[in-house]
Amino acid sequence: MTDAVIFDLDGVIVDSEPVWEEVRRRYVAEHGGTWQPDSQRRLMGMSTREWARYLSAELGVDRTPEQVAADVIDEMARRYAERLPLIPGADEVVRRIAAGWTLGLASSSPTRLIDAALAATGLAEVFAVTLSTERVERGKPAPDVYVAVARRLAADPVRCVAVEDSSNGVRSAAAAGMRVVAVPHEAYPLDPDAAEKATIVLPGVTELTEETIRSLP
């Protein structure tokens, strides 16, 4: 039995992971840092506080974490204003699922970008609860944001389904006790351990149907 469905934003509703990678990679290069081969994989799921500290302290960017966060988020907001990279059909999927279940959103994006994306897609009113990892102690893969969204929905995590694209996102939702529908981006495949934690792996979010939710164990 499912009481609520909780979506991630980046990589599930908007195809923003490549944009995040481009913006942060360029920022690191322009500010004296060195991008590492595993940087994007490590960054996926981090909260704003965590990734800003990572760019500053570990990648050698010559800015404080606070400056890093402000600069990168400003550039992401500018990109969203130019063109929101909505995954084709994702908004229709969200609306279909909303007809049958209460929806939440658990995102690693800062609140400012969550609000901008939902306003641009017309989905702001569809979600009963939206929450950024900025508002919890730890980002993904820790379960904090999923636990907090379930609490705000007055839902038991074990009766929730999460829709996630990244390895850290899958780990986060599974650690919260949720069943997880994984829709990995072709450029960022799931790590083997994350794939094992997913209840089901779909080739894309447009494959998610009401029957998918109902059939989950």
N, C-alpha and C. Protein backbone atom coordinates (compact mmCIF):
# COMPACT_ATOMS: atom_id res chain seq x y z
N MET A 1 0.86 -1.20 0.00
CA MET A 1 0.00 0.00 0.00
C MET A 1 0.89 1.25 0.00
N THR A 2 0.55 2.20 -0.85
CA THR A 2 1.33 3.42 -0.96
C THR A 2 0.49 4.62 -0.57
N ASP A 3 1.00 5.42 0.37
CA ASP A 3 0.29 6.62 0.81
C ASP A 3 0.78 7.88 0.11
N ALA A 4 2.05 7.89 -0.31
CA ALA A 4 2.61 9.09 -0.93
C ALA A 4 3.73 8.70 -1.89
N VAL A 5 3.91 9.54 -2.90
CA VAL A 5 5.00 9.38 -3.85
C VAL A 5 5.86 10.64 -3.75
N ILE A 6 7.16 10.43 -3.56
CA ILE A 6 8.08 11.55 -3.37
C ILE A 6 9.09 11.57 -4.51
N PHE A 7 9.06 12.66 -5.26
CA PHE A 7 9.94 12.82 -6.42
C PHE A 7 11.21 13.58 -6.06
N ASP A 8 12.29 13.21 -6.71
CA ASP A 8 13.46 14.07 -6.79
C ASP A 8 13.18 15.07 -7.92
N LEU A 9 13.97 16.13 -8.01
CA LEU A 9 13.79 17.13 -9.07
C LEU A 9 14.83 16.97 -10.17
N ASP A 10 16.10 17.14 -9.83
CA ASP A 10 17.17 17.10 -10.82
C ASP A 10 17.35 15.70 -11.36
N GLY A 11 17.22 15.56 -12.67
CA GLY A 11 17.38 14.26 -13.30
C GLY A 11 16.11 13.46 -13.38
N VAL A 12 15.07 13.91 -12.70
CA VAL A 12 13.78 13.21 -12.73
C VAL A 12 12.72 14.06 -13.44
N ILE A 13 12.65 15.34 -13.07
CA ILE A 13 11.70 16.26 -13.70
C ILE A 13 12.42 17.22 -14.64
N VAL A 14 13.57 17.71 -14.22
CA VAL A 14 14.38 18.57 -15.10
C VAL A 14 15.72 17.90 -15.35
N ASP A 15 16.19 18.01 -16.59
CA ASP A 15 17.46 17.38 -16.99
C ASP A 15 18.59 18.35 -16.66
N SER A 16 18.76 18.59 -15.38
CA SER A 16 19.67 19.64 -14.92
C SER A 16 21.05 19.14 -14.52
N GLU A 17 21.22 17.84 -14.34
CA GLU A 17 22.53 17.35 -13.91
C GLU A 17 23.65 17.76 -14.88
N PRO A 18 23.44 17.65 -16.21
CA PRO A 18 24.50 18.13 -17.12
C PRO A 18 24.75 19.62 -16.99
N VAL A 19 23.71 20.40 -16.69
CA VAL A 19 23.89 21.85 -16.52
C VAL A 19 24.68 22.13 -15.25
N TRP A 20 24.31 21.46 -14.15
CA TRP A 20 25.08 21.60 -12.91
C TRP A 20 26.55 21.25 -13.15
N GLU A 21 26.79 20.15 -13.86
CA GLU A 21 28.18 19.74 -14.09
C GLU A 21 28.92 20.80 -14.89
N GLU A 22 28.30 21.31 -15.96
CA GLU A 22 28.96 22.33 -16.79
C GLU A 22 29.27 23.59 -15.98
N VAL A 23 28.28 24.05 -15.21
CA VAL A 23 28.46 25.30 -14.45
C VAL A 23 29.54 25.13 -13.38
N ARG A 24 29.48 24.05 -12.63
CA ARG A 24 30.46 23.87 -11.55
C ARG A 24 31.85 23.56 -12.10
N ARG A 25 31.91 22.76 -13.15
CA ARG A 25 33.21 22.45 -13.76
C ARG A 25 33.89 23.74 -14.25
N ARG A 26 33.14 24.60 -14.93
CA ARG A 26 33.70 25.86 -15.42
C ARG A 26 34.10 26.77 -14.27
N TYR A 27 33.27 26.79 -13.23
CA TYR A 27 33.57 27.64 -12.07
C TYR A 27 34.87 27.20 -11.41
N VAL A 28 35.06 25.92 -11.25
CA VAL A 28 36.29 25.39 -10.67
C VAL A 28 37.49 25.81 -11.50
N ALA A 29 37.39 25.66 -12.82
CA ALA A 29 38.50 26.00 -13.70
C ALA A 29 38.83 27.49 -13.66
N GLU A 30 37.78 28.33 -13.55
CA GLU A 30 37.99 29.78 -13.57
C GLU A 30 38.50 30.33 -12.24
N HIS A 31 38.43 29.52 -11.19
CA HIS A 31 38.80 30.02 -9.87
C HIS A 31 39.89 29.18 -9.20
N GLY A 32 40.80 28.69 -10.02
CA GLY A 32 42.01 28.09 -9.49
C GLY A 32 41.91 26.67 -8.98
N GLY A 33 40.80 26.02 -9.23
CA GLY A 33 40.64 24.65 -8.73
C GLY A 33 40.93 23.61 -9.80
N THR A 34 40.83 22.34 -9.39
CA THR A 34 41.06 21.23 -10.31
C THR A 34 39.92 20.23 -10.19
N TRP A 35 39.19 20.07 -11.27
CA TRP A 35 38.08 19.12 -11.32
C TRP A 35 38.63 17.71 -11.37
N GLN A 36 38.06 16.81 -10.57
CA GLN A 36 38.54 15.43 -10.50
C GLN A 36 37.62 14.50 -11.29
N PRO A 37 38.14 13.36 -11.73
CA PRO A 37 37.33 12.44 -12.53
C PRO A 37 36.04 11.99 -11.84
N ASP A 38 36.06 11.91 -10.52
CA ASP A 38 34.86 11.44 -9.80
C ASP A 38 34.05 12.58 -9.20
N SER A 39 34.37 13.83 -9.57
CA SER A 39 33.72 14.96 -8.92
C SER A 39 32.21 14.98 -9.13
N GLN A 40 31.76 14.80 -10.38
CA GLN A 40 30.32 14.88 -10.62
C GLN A 40 29.56 13.79 -9.88
N ARG A 41 30.09 12.59 -9.87
CA ARG A 41 29.43 11.49 -9.16
C ARG A 41 29.36 11.79 -7.66
N ARG A 42 30.41 12.35 -7.12
CA ARG A 42 30.42 12.69 -5.69
C ARG A 42 29.44 13.82 -5.39
N LEU A 43 29.32 14.78 -6.31
CA LEU A 43 28.49 15.95 -6.06
C LEU A 43 27.01 15.65 -6.12
N MET A 44 26.62 14.66 -6.89
CA MET A 44 25.19 14.38 -7.07
C MET A 44 24.56 13.98 -5.75
N GLY A 45 23.61 14.78 -5.29
CA GLY A 45 22.92 14.52 -4.03
C GLY A 45 23.40 15.37 -2.87
N MET A 46 24.59 15.97 -3.01
CA MET A 46 25.08 16.82 -1.91
C MET A 46 24.16 18.03 -1.73
N SER A 47 24.04 18.48 -0.49
CA SER A 47 23.32 19.72 -0.22
C SER A 47 24.18 20.89 -0.68
N THR A 48 23.56 22.07 -0.75
CA THR A 48 24.30 23.27 -1.15
C THR A 48 25.53 23.49 -0.26
N ARG A 49 25.34 23.37 1.03
CA ARG A 49 26.43 23.58 1.98
C ARG A 49 27.56 22.58 1.72
N GLU A 50 27.19 21.33 1.44
CA GLU A 50 28.19 20.29 1.23
C GLU A 50 28.96 20.48 -0.08
N TRP A 51 28.25 20.76 -1.18
CA TRP A 51 28.99 20.89 -2.43
C TRP A 51 29.82 22.18 -2.51
N ALA A 52 29.33 23.25 -1.87
CA ALA A 52 30.12 24.48 -1.85
C ALA A 52 31.42 24.27 -1.06
N ARG A 53 31.32 23.55 0.05
CA ARG A 53 32.51 23.24 0.84
C ARG A 53 33.46 22.33 0.05
N TYR A 54 32.90 21.38 -0.67
CA TYR A 54 33.71 20.46 -1.47
C TYR A 54 34.49 21.20 -2.56
N LEU A 55 33.84 22.11 -3.28
CA LEU A 55 34.53 22.88 -4.31
C LEU A 55 35.62 23.76 -3.71
N SER A 56 35.34 24.35 -2.56
CA SER A 56 36.29 25.25 -1.94
C SER A 56 37.45 24.51 -1.28
N ALA A 57 37.14 23.51 -0.48
CA ALA A 57 38.16 22.85 0.33
C ALA A 57 38.88 21.72 -0.39
N GLU A 58 38.17 20.95 -1.23
CA GLU A 58 38.78 19.78 -1.83
C GLU A 58 39.22 19.98 -3.28
N LEU A 59 38.51 20.82 -4.00
CA LEU A 59 38.90 21.05 -5.40
C LEU A 59 39.77 22.29 -5.56
N GLY A 60 39.99 23.03 -4.47
CA GLY A 60 40.95 24.12 -4.49
C GLY A 60 40.45 25.43 -5.05
N VAL A 61 39.13 25.64 -5.09
CA VAL A 61 38.59 26.91 -5.57
C VAL A 61 38.98 28.03 -4.59
N ASP A 62 39.43 29.16 -5.13
CA ASP A 62 39.91 30.24 -4.27
C ASP A 62 38.79 31.19 -3.84
N ARG A 63 37.73 30.60 -3.34
CA ARG A 63 36.59 31.34 -2.82
C ARG A 63 36.09 30.63 -1.56
N THR A 64 35.43 31.36 -0.69
CA THR A 64 34.83 30.72 0.48
C THR A 64 33.63 29.89 0.03
N PRO A 65 33.23 28.91 0.83
CA PRO A 65 32.04 28.14 0.47
C PRO A 65 30.81 29.02 0.25
N GLU A 66 30.68 30.07 1.04
CA GLU A 66 29.53 30.97 0.89
C GLU A 66 29.56 31.67 -0.47
N GLN A 67 30.76 32.10 -0.89
CA GLN A 67 30.90 32.74 -2.20
C GLN A 67 30.64 31.75 -3.32
N VAL A 68 31.16 30.54 -3.15
CA VAL A 68 30.96 29.50 -4.16
C VAL A 68 29.47 29.24 -4.36
N ALA A 69 28.75 29.05 -3.27
CA ALA A 69 27.31 28.76 -3.35
C ALA A 69 26.57 29.89 -4.05
N ALA A 70 26.83 31.12 -3.64
CA ALA A 70 26.13 32.27 -4.21
C ALA A 70 26.41 32.39 -5.71
N ASP A 71 27.66 32.24 -6.11
CA ASP A 71 28.03 32.40 -7.52
C ASP A 71 27.42 31.31 -8.39
N VAL A 72 27.53 30.07 -7.93
CA VAL A 72 27.02 28.95 -8.74
C VAL A 72 25.50 29.00 -8.84
N ILE A 73 24.83 29.28 -7.75
CA ILE A 73 23.37 29.34 -7.78
C ILE A 73 22.89 30.49 -8.66
N ASP A 74 23.58 31.61 -8.61
CA ASP A 74 23.23 32.73 -9.50
C ASP A 74 23.32 32.31 -10.96
N GLU A 75 24.38 31.58 -11.31
CA GLU A 75 24.54 31.15 -12.70
C GLU A 75 23.48 30.12 -13.08
N MET A 76 23.16 29.21 -12.17
CA MET A 76 22.09 28.24 -12.44
C MET A 76 20.75 28.94 -12.63
N ALA A 77 20.47 29.93 -11.82
CA ALA A 77 19.22 30.68 -11.95
C ALA A 77 19.16 31.39 -13.30
N ARG A 78 20.30 31.92 -13.74
CA ARG A 78 20.37 32.58 -15.05
C ARG A 78 20.09 31.57 -16.16
N ARG A 79 20.66 30.38 -16.03
CA ARG A 79 20.43 29.33 -17.04
C ARG A 79 18.95 28.93 -17.07
N TYR A 80 18.36 28.76 -15.88
CA TYR A 80 16.95 28.39 -15.82
C TYR A 80 16.06 29.47 -16.45
N ALA A 81 16.42 30.73 -16.24
CA ALA A 81 15.64 31.83 -16.80
C ALA A 81 15.71 31.82 -18.33
N GLU A 82 16.85 31.41 -18.86
CA GLU A 82 17.00 31.32 -20.32
C GLU A 82 16.21 30.14 -20.87
N ARG A 83 16.35 28.99 -20.24
CA ARG A 83 15.64 27.79 -20.69
C ARG A 83 15.67 26.74 -19.60
N LEU A 84 14.50 26.37 -19.13
CA LEU A 84 14.43 25.31 -18.13
C LEU A 84 14.54 23.96 -18.85
N PRO A 85 15.49 23.12 -18.48
CA PRO A 85 15.68 21.85 -19.19
C PRO A 85 14.69 20.76 -18.72
N LEU A 86 13.42 21.02 -18.94
CA LEU A 86 12.39 20.05 -18.55
C LEU A 86 12.56 18.76 -19.33
N ILE A 87 12.52 17.64 -18.64
CA ILE A 87 12.54 16.34 -19.32
C ILE A 87 11.20 16.17 -20.03
N PRO A 88 11.21 15.95 -21.34
CA PRO A 88 9.94 15.86 -22.08
C PRO A 88 8.99 14.83 -21.46
N GLY A 89 7.80 15.28 -21.17
CA GLY A 89 6.78 14.40 -20.63
C GLY A 89 6.79 14.23 -19.12
N ALA A 90 7.84 14.72 -18.46
CA ALA A 90 7.94 14.53 -17.01
C ALA A 90 6.82 15.22 -16.25
N ASP A 91 6.45 16.43 -16.70
CA ASP A 91 5.37 17.15 -16.02
C ASP A 91 4.05 16.41 -16.13
N GLU A 92 3.81 15.76 -17.29
CA GLU A 92 2.58 14.99 -17.47
C GLU A 92 2.56 13.77 -16.55
N VAL A 93 3.72 13.13 -16.38
CA VAL A 93 3.82 11.98 -15.48
C VAL A 93 3.49 12.41 -14.05
N VAL A 94 4.07 13.53 -13.62
CA VAL A 94 3.82 14.02 -12.26
C VAL A 94 2.34 14.27 -12.05
N ARG A 95 1.69 14.89 -13.01
CA ARG A 95 0.26 15.19 -12.86
C ARG A 95 -0.57 13.91 -12.82
N ARG A 96 -0.21 12.92 -13.60
CA ARG A 96 -0.94 11.65 -13.57
C ARG A 96 -0.81 10.97 -12.22
N ILE A 97 0.41 10.93 -11.69
CA ILE A 97 0.63 10.29 -10.39
C ILE A 97 -0.08 11.07 -9.29
N ALA A 98 -0.14 12.40 -9.43
CA ALA A 98 -0.81 13.23 -8.42
C ALA A 98 -2.31 12.97 -8.34
N ALA A 99 -2.88 12.43 -9.41
CA ALA A 99 -4.30 12.12 -9.39
C ALA A 99 -4.61 10.94 -8.48
N GLY A 100 -3.58 10.14 -8.16
CA GLY A 100 -3.82 8.96 -7.34
C GLY A 100 -3.18 8.97 -5.97
N TRP A 101 -2.15 9.81 -5.80
CA TRP A 101 -1.43 9.82 -4.53
C TRP A 101 -1.02 11.24 -4.15
N THR A 102 -0.81 11.45 -2.87
CA THR A 102 -0.23 12.70 -2.38
C THR A 102 1.23 12.74 -2.80
N LEU A 103 1.69 13.90 -3.26
CA LEU A 103 3.06 14.02 -3.74
C LEU A 103 3.92 14.90 -2.85
N GLY A 104 5.18 14.50 -2.73
CA GLY A 104 6.20 15.32 -2.10
C GLY A 104 7.38 15.47 -3.04
N LEU A 105 8.24 16.42 -2.74
CA LEU A 105 9.45 16.64 -3.52
C LEU A 105 10.63 16.74 -2.55
N ALA A 106 11.66 15.93 -2.79
CA ALA A 106 12.86 15.91 -1.95
C ALA A 106 14.06 16.15 -2.85
N SER A 107 14.60 17.36 -2.82
CA SER A 107 15.61 17.75 -3.80
C SER A 107 16.89 18.26 -3.16
N SER A 108 18.00 18.03 -3.85
CA SER A 108 19.27 18.60 -3.43
C SER A 108 19.46 20.02 -3.95
N SER A 109 18.59 20.46 -4.83
CA SER A 109 18.67 21.84 -5.32
C SER A 109 18.34 22.81 -4.19
N PRO A 110 18.91 24.02 -4.25
CA PRO A 110 18.51 25.04 -3.27
C PRO A 110 17.06 25.44 -3.50
N THR A 111 16.44 25.92 -2.44
CA THR A 111 15.02 26.28 -2.50
C THR A 111 14.73 27.25 -3.64
N ARG A 112 15.64 28.19 -3.85
CA ARG A 112 15.46 29.18 -4.92
C ARG A 112 15.27 28.51 -6.27
N LEU A 113 16.05 27.48 -6.56
CA LEU A 113 15.96 26.81 -7.86
C LEU A 113 14.77 25.86 -7.92
N ILE A 114 14.43 25.24 -6.80
CA ILE A 114 13.22 24.42 -6.76
C ILE A 114 12.01 25.27 -7.12
N ASP A 115 11.90 26.41 -6.47
CA ASP A 115 10.75 27.29 -6.72
C ASP A 115 10.70 27.75 -8.17
N ALA A 116 11.86 28.08 -8.73
CA ALA A 116 11.91 28.53 -10.12
C ALA A 116 11.49 27.42 -11.07
N ALA A 117 11.96 26.21 -10.83
CA ALA A 117 11.63 25.08 -11.71
C ALA A 117 10.15 24.74 -11.63
N LEU A 118 9.60 24.71 -10.44
CA LEU A 118 8.19 24.35 -10.29
C LEU A 118 7.28 25.43 -10.84
N ALA A 119 7.68 26.68 -10.69
CA ALA A 119 6.88 27.78 -11.26
C ALA A 119 6.89 27.70 -12.78
N ALA A 120 8.05 27.42 -13.36
CA ALA A 120 8.17 27.36 -14.82
C ALA A 120 7.40 26.19 -15.42
N THR A 121 7.28 25.10 -14.67
CA THR A 121 6.58 23.92 -15.18
C THR A 121 5.10 23.91 -14.80
N GLY A 122 4.69 24.84 -13.94
CA GLY A 122 3.31 24.85 -13.48
C GLY A 122 2.99 23.75 -12.49
N LEU A 123 4.02 23.21 -11.85
CA LEU A 123 3.82 22.08 -10.93
C LEU A 123 3.82 22.49 -9.46
N ALA A 124 3.94 23.76 -9.18
CA ALA A 124 4.08 24.20 -7.79
C ALA A 124 2.92 23.73 -6.92
N GLU A 125 1.72 23.74 -7.45
CA GLU A 125 0.54 23.39 -6.65
C GLU A 125 0.30 21.89 -6.58
N VAL A 126 1.05 21.13 -7.34
CA VAL A 126 0.84 19.68 -7.39
C VAL A 126 1.44 18.99 -6.17
N PHE A 127 2.51 19.56 -5.64
CA PHE A 127 3.21 18.94 -4.52
C PHE A 127 2.69 19.47 -3.19
N ALA A 128 2.32 18.56 -2.32
CA ALA A 128 1.85 18.96 -0.98
C ALA A 128 3.00 19.47 -0.13
N VAL A 129 4.19 18.92 -0.35
CA VAL A 129 5.39 19.32 0.40
C VAL A 129 6.57 19.34 -0.55
N THR A 130 7.37 20.39 -0.51
CA THR A 130 8.65 20.42 -1.22
C THR A 130 9.73 20.78 -0.20
N LEU A 131 10.89 20.15 -0.34
CA LEU A 131 11.95 20.39 0.64
C LEU A 131 13.31 20.24 -0.02
N SER A 132 14.19 21.18 0.28
CA SER A 132 15.58 21.14 -0.17
C SER A 132 16.44 20.54 0.93
N THR A 133 17.53 19.89 0.52
CA THR A 133 18.48 19.39 1.51
C THR A 133 19.16 20.53 2.26
N GLU A 134 19.01 21.77 1.77
CA GLU A 134 19.47 22.93 2.54
C GLU A 134 18.82 22.98 3.91
N ARG A 135 17.62 22.40 4.01
CA ARG A 135 16.80 22.53 5.22
C ARG A 135 16.98 21.38 6.20
N VAL A 136 17.85 20.44 5.86
CA VAL A 136 18.10 19.31 6.77
C VAL A 136 19.59 19.26 7.07
N GLU A 137 19.95 18.43 8.02
CA GLU A 137 21.35 18.41 8.47
C GLU A 137 22.29 17.85 7.42
N ARG A 138 21.88 16.77 6.77
CA ARG A 138 22.76 16.10 5.82
C ARG A 138 22.07 15.93 4.47
N GLY A 139 22.87 16.05 3.41
CA GLY A 139 22.35 15.80 2.08
C GLY A 139 22.32 14.31 1.77
N LYS A 140 21.86 13.98 0.58
CA LYS A 140 21.88 12.60 0.12
C LYS A 140 23.34 12.17 -0.04
N PRO A 141 23.71 10.94 0.32
CA PRO A 141 22.90 9.74 0.49
C PRO A 141 22.30 9.54 1.89
N ALA A 142 22.51 10.46 2.81
CA ALA A 142 21.83 10.34 4.11
C ALA A 142 20.32 10.43 3.88
N PRO A 143 19.53 9.81 4.73
CA PRO A 143 18.08 9.76 4.50
C PRO A 143 17.32 11.00 4.96
N ASP A 144 18.02 12.00 5.49
CA ASP A 144 17.37 13.11 6.19
C ASP A 144 16.23 13.76 5.42
N VAL A 145 16.47 14.09 4.15
CA VAL A 145 15.46 14.85 3.41
C VAL A 145 14.22 14.01 3.15
N TYR A 146 14.39 12.72 2.89
CA TYR A 146 13.22 11.86 2.66
C TYR A 146 12.45 11.63 3.95
N VAL A 147 13.15 11.45 5.04
CA VAL A 147 12.48 11.29 6.33
C VAL A 147 11.69 12.55 6.65
N ALA A 148 12.28 13.72 6.40
CA ALA A 148 11.62 14.99 6.71
C ALA A 148 10.39 15.21 5.84
N VAL A 149 10.47 14.88 4.55
CA VAL A 149 9.31 15.04 3.68
C VAL A 149 8.18 14.11 4.11
N ALA A 150 8.51 12.87 4.40
CA ALA A 150 7.48 11.93 4.87
C ALA A 150 6.82 12.43 6.15
N ARG A 151 7.62 12.96 7.05
CA ARG A 151 7.06 13.48 8.31
C ARG A 151 6.09 14.62 8.02
N ARG A 152 6.48 15.52 7.12
CA ARG A 152 5.61 16.66 6.80
C ARG A 152 4.34 16.23 6.08
N LEU A 153 4.42 15.09 5.40
CA LEU A 153 3.23 14.55 4.74
C LEU A 153 2.39 13.69 5.69
N ALA A 154 2.88 13.51 6.93
CA ALA A 154 2.23 12.62 7.90
C ALA A 154 2.12 11.21 7.33
N ALA A 155 3.17 10.78 6.64
CA ALA A 155 3.19 9.46 6.01
C ALA A 155 4.32 8.62 6.59
N ASP A 156 4.06 7.33 6.74
CA ASP A 156 5.10 6.40 7.17
C ASP A 156 6.04 6.17 5.98
N PRO A 157 7.35 6.34 6.17
CA PRO A 157 8.28 6.14 5.04
C PRO A 157 8.13 4.79 4.34
N VAL A 158 7.80 3.75 5.09
CA VAL A 158 7.68 2.44 4.45
C VAL A 158 6.46 2.36 3.54
N ARG A 159 5.56 3.34 3.65
CA ARG A 159 4.39 3.39 2.78
C ARG A 159 4.54 4.48 1.71
N CYS A 160 5.79 4.90 1.51
CA CYS A 160 6.09 5.91 0.48
C CYS A 160 6.92 5.28 -0.63
N VAL A 161 6.75 5.83 -1.82
CA VAL A 161 7.58 5.46 -2.96
C VAL A 161 8.38 6.69 -3.37
N ALA A 162 9.67 6.52 -3.57
CA ALA A 162 10.53 7.61 -4.04
C ALA A 162 10.88 7.38 -5.50
N VAL A 163 11.00 8.48 -6.24
CA VAL A 163 11.41 8.41 -7.65
C VAL A 163 12.72 9.16 -7.76
N GLU A 164 13.78 8.44 -8.08
CA GLU A 164 15.14 8.98 -8.04
C GLU A 164 15.93 8.60 -9.28
N ASP A 165 16.93 9.43 -9.60
CA ASP A 165 17.78 9.13 -10.75
C ASP A 165 19.21 8.77 -10.36
N SER A 166 19.73 9.31 -9.27
CA SER A 166 21.15 9.17 -8.96
C SER A 166 21.40 8.08 -7.92
N SER A 167 22.64 7.62 -7.89
CA SER A 167 23.02 6.60 -6.90
C SER A 167 22.82 7.11 -5.48
N ASN A 168 23.27 8.34 -5.21
CA ASN A 168 23.11 8.87 -3.86
C ASN A 168 21.65 9.10 -3.51
N GLY A 169 20.86 9.47 -4.49
CA GLY A 169 19.43 9.64 -4.25
C GLY A 169 18.75 8.33 -3.92
N VAL A 170 19.09 7.28 -4.65
CA VAL A 170 18.53 5.95 -4.37
C VAL A 170 18.95 5.50 -2.98
N ARG A 171 20.21 5.69 -2.65
CA ARG A 171 20.69 5.31 -1.32
C ARG A 171 19.94 6.07 -0.24
N SER A 172 19.70 7.34 -0.45
CA SER A 172 19.01 8.18 0.53
C SER A 172 17.60 7.68 0.78
N ALA A 173 16.84 7.48 -0.28
CA ALA A 173 15.45 7.05 -0.12
C ALA A 173 15.36 5.65 0.48
N ALA A 174 16.26 4.75 0.04
CA ALA A 174 16.25 3.39 0.58
C ALA A 174 16.60 3.40 2.06
N ALA A 175 17.56 4.26 2.45
CA ALA A 175 17.93 4.36 3.86
C ALA A 175 16.79 4.89 4.71
N ALA A 176 15.90 5.65 4.09
CA ALA A 176 14.72 6.16 4.81
C ALA A 176 13.64 5.09 4.96
N GLY A 177 13.83 3.95 4.28
CA GLY A 177 12.87 2.86 4.37
C GLY A 177 11.86 2.82 3.25
N MET A 178 12.08 3.63 2.22
CA MET A 178 11.13 3.72 1.12
C MET A 178 11.44 2.73 0.01
N ARG A 179 10.41 2.39 -0.75
CA ARG A 179 10.62 1.69 -2.01
C ARG A 179 11.05 2.73 -3.04
N VAL A 180 11.94 2.34 -3.92
CA VAL A 180 12.54 3.32 -4.82
C VAL A 180 12.37 2.91 -6.28
N VAL A 181 11.78 3.81 -7.06
CA VAL A 181 11.74 3.68 -8.50
C VAL A 181 12.92 4.49 -9.03
N ALA A 182 13.87 3.81 -9.65
CA ALA A 182 15.05 4.49 -10.18
C ALA A 182 14.89 4.74 -11.67
N VAL A 183 15.23 5.97 -12.08
CA VAL A 183 15.18 6.35 -13.50
C VAL A 183 16.52 7.01 -13.85
N PRO A 184 17.59 6.23 -13.89
CA PRO A 184 18.93 6.81 -14.04
C PRO A 184 19.14 7.50 -15.39
N HIS A 185 19.92 8.57 -15.35
CA HIS A 185 20.32 9.30 -16.56
C HIS A 185 21.35 8.45 -17.29
N GLU A 186 21.26 8.41 -18.61
CA GLU A 186 22.18 7.56 -19.37
C GLU A 186 23.64 7.99 -19.19
N ALA A 187 23.87 9.27 -18.87
CA ALA A 187 25.24 9.74 -18.68
C ALA A 187 25.76 9.45 -17.28
N TYR A 188 24.86 9.13 -16.36
CA TYR A 188 25.25 8.90 -14.97
C TYR A 188 24.58 7.61 -14.47
N PRO A 189 25.03 6.45 -14.94
CA PRO A 189 24.40 5.18 -14.54
C PRO A 189 24.55 4.92 -13.05
N LEU A 190 23.65 4.11 -12.53
CA LEU A 190 23.69 3.77 -11.11
C LEU A 190 24.90 2.91 -10.78
N ASP A 191 25.48 3.16 -9.61
CA ASP A 191 26.49 2.26 -9.08
C ASP A 191 25.83 0.92 -8.75
N PRO A 192 26.57 -0.17 -8.81
CA PRO A 192 25.95 -1.49 -8.56
C PRO A 192 25.19 -1.59 -7.24
N ASP A 193 25.76 -1.02 -6.16
CA ASP A 193 25.08 -1.13 -4.87
C ASP A 193 23.77 -0.34 -4.87
N ALA A 194 23.75 0.79 -5.56
CA ALA A 194 22.52 1.59 -5.64
C ALA A 194 21.46 0.88 -6.47
N ALA A 195 21.88 0.26 -7.55
CA ALA A 195 20.94 -0.48 -8.39
C ALA A 195 20.28 -1.60 -7.59
N GLU A 196 21.04 -2.22 -6.70
CA GLU A 196 20.48 -3.29 -5.87
C GLU A 196 19.47 -2.75 -4.87
N LYS A 197 19.65 -1.51 -4.44
CA LYS A 197 18.73 -0.92 -3.46
C LYS A 197 17.42 -0.46 -4.10
N ALA A 198 17.44 -0.24 -5.41
CA ALA A 198 16.22 0.19 -6.10
C ALA A 198 15.23 -0.96 -6.16
N THR A 199 13.95 -0.64 -5.96
CA THR A 199 12.90 -1.65 -6.06
C THR A 199 12.67 -2.02 -7.51
N ILE A 200 12.74 -1.01 -8.38
CA ILE A 200 12.60 -1.22 -9.82
C ILE A 200 13.40 -0.15 -10.53
N VAL A 201 13.99 -0.50 -11.65
CA VAL A 201 14.74 0.45 -12.47
C VAL A 201 14.03 0.59 -13.81
N LEU A 202 13.67 1.83 -14.16
CA LEU A 202 12.99 2.10 -15.42
C LEU A 202 13.94 2.85 -16.36
N PRO A 203 13.74 2.74 -17.66
CA PRO A 203 14.62 3.43 -18.61
C PRO A 203 14.43 4.94 -18.63
N GLY A 204 13.34 5.43 -18.08
CA GLY A 204 13.10 6.87 -18.05
C GLY A 204 11.85 7.18 -17.26
N VAL A 205 11.69 8.42 -16.84
CA VAL A 205 10.56 8.79 -15.99
C VAL A 205 9.23 8.65 -16.74
N THR A 206 9.25 8.78 -18.06
CA THR A 206 8.00 8.66 -18.81
C THR A 206 7.46 7.23 -18.80
N GLU A 207 8.28 6.28 -18.34
CA GLU A 207 7.82 4.90 -18.20
C GLU A 207 7.09 4.67 -16.88
N LEU A 208 7.12 5.66 -16.01
CA LEU A 208 6.46 5.54 -14.71
C LEU A 208 4.96 5.72 -14.87
N THR A 209 4.19 4.73 -14.45
CA THR A 209 2.74 4.78 -14.57
C THR A 209 2.09 4.52 -13.22
N GLU A 210 0.79 4.74 -13.17
CA GLU A 210 0.05 4.43 -11.96
C GLU A 210 0.17 2.95 -11.63
N GLU A 211 0.17 2.11 -12.66
CA GLU A 211 0.28 0.68 -12.44
C GLU A 211 1.65 0.31 -11.86
N THR A 212 2.69 1.02 -12.27
CA THR A 212 4.02 0.80 -11.69
C THR A 212 3.96 0.96 -10.18
N ILE A 213 3.34 2.05 -9.73
CA ILE A 213 3.24 2.32 -8.28
C ILE A 213 2.42 1.24 -7.59
N ARG A 214 1.29 0.90 -8.18
CA ARG A 214 0.40 -0.09 -7.55
C ARG A 214 1.04 -1.47 -7.46
N SER A 215 1.91 -1.80 -8.40
CA SER A 215 2.48 -3.15 -8.44
C SER A 215 3.71 -3.33 -7.58
N LEU A 216 4.20 -2.24 -6.97
CA LEU A 216 5.41 -2.38 -6.14
C LEU A 216 5.10 -3.18 -4.90
N PRO A 217 6.03 -4.04 -4.48
CA PRO A 217 5.78 -4.86 -3.29
C PRO A 217 5.72 -4.03 -2.01
